[in-house]
Amino acid sequence: MSTAGLEIAAPAQKCDDVRCPFHGHVKVRGRLLTGRVVSTAGKSFVVIQMEYLHKVRKFGRSERRKSRLTAHLPGCIETHEGEMATIAECRPLSKTISFVVVQSRRSA
């Protein structure tokens, strides 16, 4: 079991997923992002929504924006809608998936 080059503890559960950064062959690199899980409808992927503030210079105010990313969900990590998840960038796993879930925790 590896830590996948992250400062995040590996999950206690084992899996045989080749796309798992802890037990498989996917190497993570690049960005670490945190967002809310908004959909777990797929068998092996989740949709993460991140909210941020964008400054509108013309009016001198900020507006709230959001973006959504799809991420692969390894078998050793369990997550549900509404929880906060940390995703790490990896090589493209499919047409729309270039991130993998590395940690999931209950939102406050």
C-alpha atoms as a PDB file:
ATOM      1  CA  MET A   1       0.000   0.000   0.000  1.00  0.00           C
ATOM      2  CA  SER A   2       1.372   3.412  -0.892  1.00  0.00           C
ATOM      3  CA  THR A   3       0.511   6.942   0.154  1.00  0.00           C
ATOM      4  CA  ALA A   4       0.440   7.948  -3.533  1.00  0.00           C
ATOM      5  CA  GLY A   5       2.790  10.854  -2.847  1.00  0.00           C
ATOM      6  CA  LEU A   6       0.162  12.637  -0.754  1.00  0.00           C
ATOM      7  CA  GLU A   7       0.057  13.696   2.874  1.00  0.00           C
ATOM      8  CA  ILE A   8      -3.257  11.869   3.198  1.00  0.00           C
ATOM      9  CA  ALA A   9      -3.575   8.564   5.034  1.00  0.00           C
ATOM     10  CA  ALA A  10      -4.396   5.601   2.822  1.00  0.00           C
ATOM     11  CA  PRO A  11      -7.861   4.081   3.368  1.00  0.00           C
ATOM     12  CA  ALA A  12      -8.097   1.061   5.656  1.00  0.00           C
ATOM     13  CA  GLN A  13     -10.116  -0.875   3.081  1.00  0.00           C
ATOM     14  CA  LYS A  14      -8.275  -2.669   0.283  1.00  0.00           C
ATOM     15  CA  CYS A  15      -9.436  -2.699  -3.318  1.00  0.00           C
ATOM     16  CA  ASP A  16      -8.326  -4.289  -6.585  1.00  0.00           C
ATOM     17  CA  ASP A  17      -9.088  -1.204  -8.697  1.00  0.00           C
ATOM     18  CA  VAL A  18      -6.248  -0.499 -11.157  1.00  0.00           C
ATOM     19  CA  ARG A  19      -7.300   3.177 -11.192  1.00  0.00           C
ATOM     20  CA  CYS A  20      -6.864   3.577  -7.420  1.00  0.00           C
ATOM     21  CA  PRO A  21      -3.963   5.868  -6.439  1.00  0.00           C
ATOM     22  CA  PHE A  22      -3.307   3.816  -3.272  1.00  0.00           C
ATOM     23  CA  HIS A  23      -3.690   0.213  -4.518  1.00  0.00           C
ATOM     24  CA  GLY A  24      -3.525   0.568  -8.301  1.00  0.00           C
ATOM     25  CA  HIS A  25      -1.291   2.076 -10.966  1.00  0.00           C
ATOM     26  CA  VAL A  26      -2.541   5.673 -11.208  1.00  0.00           C
ATOM     27  CA  LYS A  27      -0.022   8.328 -10.251  1.00  0.00           C
ATOM     28  CA  VAL A  28      -1.338  11.647  -8.974  1.00  0.00           C
ATOM     29  CA  ARG A  29       0.268  14.946  -9.877  1.00  0.00           C
ATOM     30  CA  GLY A  30      -0.758  18.554 -10.084  1.00  0.00           C
ATOM     31  CA  ARG A  31      -3.673  20.064  -8.236  1.00  0.00           C
ATOM     32  CA  LEU A  32      -5.456  18.962  -5.065  1.00  0.00           C
ATOM     33  CA  LEU A  33      -9.015  20.315  -4.931  1.00  0.00           C
ATOM     34  CA  THR A  34     -11.751  20.100  -2.318  1.00  0.00           C
ATOM     35  CA  GLY A  35     -15.456  20.283  -3.072  1.00  0.00           C
ATOM     36  CA  ARG A  36     -18.897  18.939  -2.269  1.00  0.00           C
ATOM     37  CA  VAL A  37     -20.134  15.674  -3.787  1.00  0.00           C
ATOM     38  CA  VAL A  38     -23.312  16.495  -5.716  1.00  0.00           C
ATOM     39  CA  SER A  39     -23.859  13.224  -7.592  1.00  0.00           C
ATOM     40  CA  THR A  40     -22.938   9.585  -7.047  1.00  0.00           C
ATOM     41  CA  ALA A  41     -25.188   8.243  -9.805  1.00  0.00           C
ATOM     42  CA  GLY A  42     -22.294   6.657 -11.701  1.00  0.00           C
ATOM     43  CA  LYS A  43     -20.880   3.297 -10.700  1.00  0.00           C
ATOM     44  CA  SER A  44     -17.260   4.403 -10.465  1.00  0.00           C
ATOM     45  CA  PHE A  45     -17.303   8.185 -10.596  1.00  0.00           C
ATOM     46  CA  VAL A  46     -18.678  11.165  -8.695  1.00  0.00           C
ATOM     47  CA  VAL A  47     -19.423  14.779  -9.580  1.00  0.00           C
ATOM     48  CA  ILE A  48     -17.720  17.354  -7.355  1.00  0.00           C
ATOM     49  CA  GLN A  49     -18.930  20.966  -7.161  1.00  0.00           C
ATOM     50  CA  MET A  50     -16.585  23.727  -6.041  1.00  0.00           C
ATOM     51  CA  GLU A  51     -17.843  27.199  -5.116  1.00  0.00           C
ATOM     52  CA  TYR A  52     -15.669  30.304  -5.259  1.00  0.00           C
ATOM     53  CA  LEU A  53     -15.900  34.103  -5.311  1.00  0.00           C
ATOM     54  CA  HIS A  54     -15.186  36.063  -8.496  1.00  0.00           C
ATOM     55  CA  LYS A  55     -14.449  39.778  -8.328  1.00  0.00           C
ATOM     56  CA  VAL A  56     -16.452  41.948 -10.778  1.00  0.00           C
ATOM     57  CA  ARG A  57     -14.204  44.955 -11.266  1.00  0.00           C
ATOM     58  CA  LYS A  58     -16.824  47.117 -12.962  1.00  0.00           C
ATOM     59  CA  PHE A  59     -19.092  47.114  -9.920  1.00  0.00           C
ATOM     60  CA  GLY A  60     -16.456  46.507  -7.232  1.00  0.00           C
ATOM     61  CA  ARG A  61     -18.333  43.514  -5.884  1.00  0.00           C
ATOM     62  CA  SER A  62     -17.916  39.788  -5.740  1.00  0.00           C
ATOM     63  CA  GLU A  63     -20.209  37.148  -7.168  1.00  0.00           C
ATOM     64  CA  ARG A  64     -20.457  33.507  -6.244  1.00  0.00           C
ATOM     65  CA  ARG A  65     -19.618  31.034  -8.965  1.00  0.00           C
ATOM     66  CA  LYS A  66     -19.404  27.276  -9.110  1.00  0.00           C
ATOM     67  CA  SER A  67     -17.724  24.686 -11.274  1.00  0.00           C
ATOM     68  CA  ARG A  68     -18.211  20.946 -11.527  1.00  0.00           C
ATOM     69  CA  LEU A  69     -15.652  18.216 -12.144  1.00  0.00           C
ATOM     70  CA  THR A  70     -16.055  14.482 -12.562  1.00  0.00           C
ATOM     71  CA  ALA A  71     -13.660  12.291 -10.612  1.00  0.00           C
ATOM     72  CA  HIS A  72     -13.011   8.551 -10.471  1.00  0.00           C
ATOM     73  CA  LEU A  73     -14.174   6.894  -7.235  1.00  0.00           C
ATOM     74  CA  PRO A  74     -11.957   3.953  -6.167  1.00  0.00           C
ATOM     75  CA  GLY A  75     -13.587   0.969  -4.497  1.00  0.00           C
ATOM     76  CA  CYS A  76     -11.753   1.535  -1.205  1.00  0.00           C
ATOM     77  CA  ILE A  77     -13.258   5.011  -0.660  1.00  0.00           C
ATOM     78  CA  GLU A  78     -16.923   5.380   0.248  1.00  0.00           C
ATOM     79  CA  THR A  79     -18.678   8.708  -0.225  1.00  0.00           C
ATOM     80  CA  HIS A  80     -22.236  10.000  -0.336  1.00  0.00           C
ATOM     81  CA  GLU A  81     -23.942  13.097  -1.693  1.00  0.00           C
ATOM     82  CA  GLY A  82     -23.389  16.171   0.448  1.00  0.00           C
ATOM     83  CA  GLU A  83     -20.012  15.076   1.814  1.00  0.00           C
ATOM     84  CA  MET A  84     -16.792  16.977   1.213  1.00  0.00           C
ATOM     85  CA  ALA A  85     -14.236  15.172  -0.949  1.00  0.00           C
ATOM     86  CA  THR A  86     -10.623  15.867  -1.845  1.00  0.00           C
ATOM     87  CA  ILE A  87      -9.663  15.043  -5.418  1.00  0.00           C
ATOM     88  CA  ALA A  88      -6.218  14.868  -6.995  1.00  0.00           C
ATOM     89  CA  GLU A  89      -5.263  15.454 -10.607  1.00  0.00           C
ATOM     90  CA  CYS A  90      -3.999  12.462 -12.578  1.00  0.00           C
ATOM     91  CA  ARG A  91      -3.653  11.391 -16.190  1.00  0.00           C
ATOM     92  CA  PRO A  92      -6.854  11.363 -18.266  1.00  0.00           C
ATOM     93  CA  LEU A  93      -8.809   8.243 -17.299  1.00  0.00           C
ATOM     94  CA  SER A  94     -11.605   8.843 -19.811  1.00  0.00           C
ATOM     95  CA  LYS A  95     -12.964  11.621 -21.991  1.00  0.00           C
ATOM     96  CA  THR A  96     -14.131  13.735 -19.043  1.00  0.00           C
ATOM     97  CA  ILE A  97     -12.308  12.285 -16.015  1.00  0.00           C
ATOM     98  CA  SER A  98      -8.825  13.537 -15.083  1.00  0.00           C
ATOM     99  CA  PHE A  99      -9.192  13.507 -11.291  1.00  0.00           C
ATOM    100  CA  VAL A 100      -9.428  10.761  -8.671  1.00  0.00           C
ATOM    101  CA  VAL A 101     -10.997  10.918  -5.189  1.00  0.00           C
ATOM    102  CA  VAL A 102      -8.326  10.524  -2.490  1.00  0.00           C
ATOM    103  CA  GLN A 103     -10.311  11.436   0.633  1.00  0.00           C
ATOM    104  CA  SER A 104     -13.923  11.840   1.707  1.00  0.00           C
ATOM    105  CA  ARG A 105     -15.238  13.318   4.940  1.00  0.00           C
ATOM    106  CA  ARG A 106     -18.545  14.449   6.387  1.00  0.00           C
ATOM    107  CA  SER A 107     -19.296  18.125   5.832  1.00  0.00           C
ATOM    108  CA  ALA A 108     -19.627  20.367   8.855  1.00  0.00           C
END
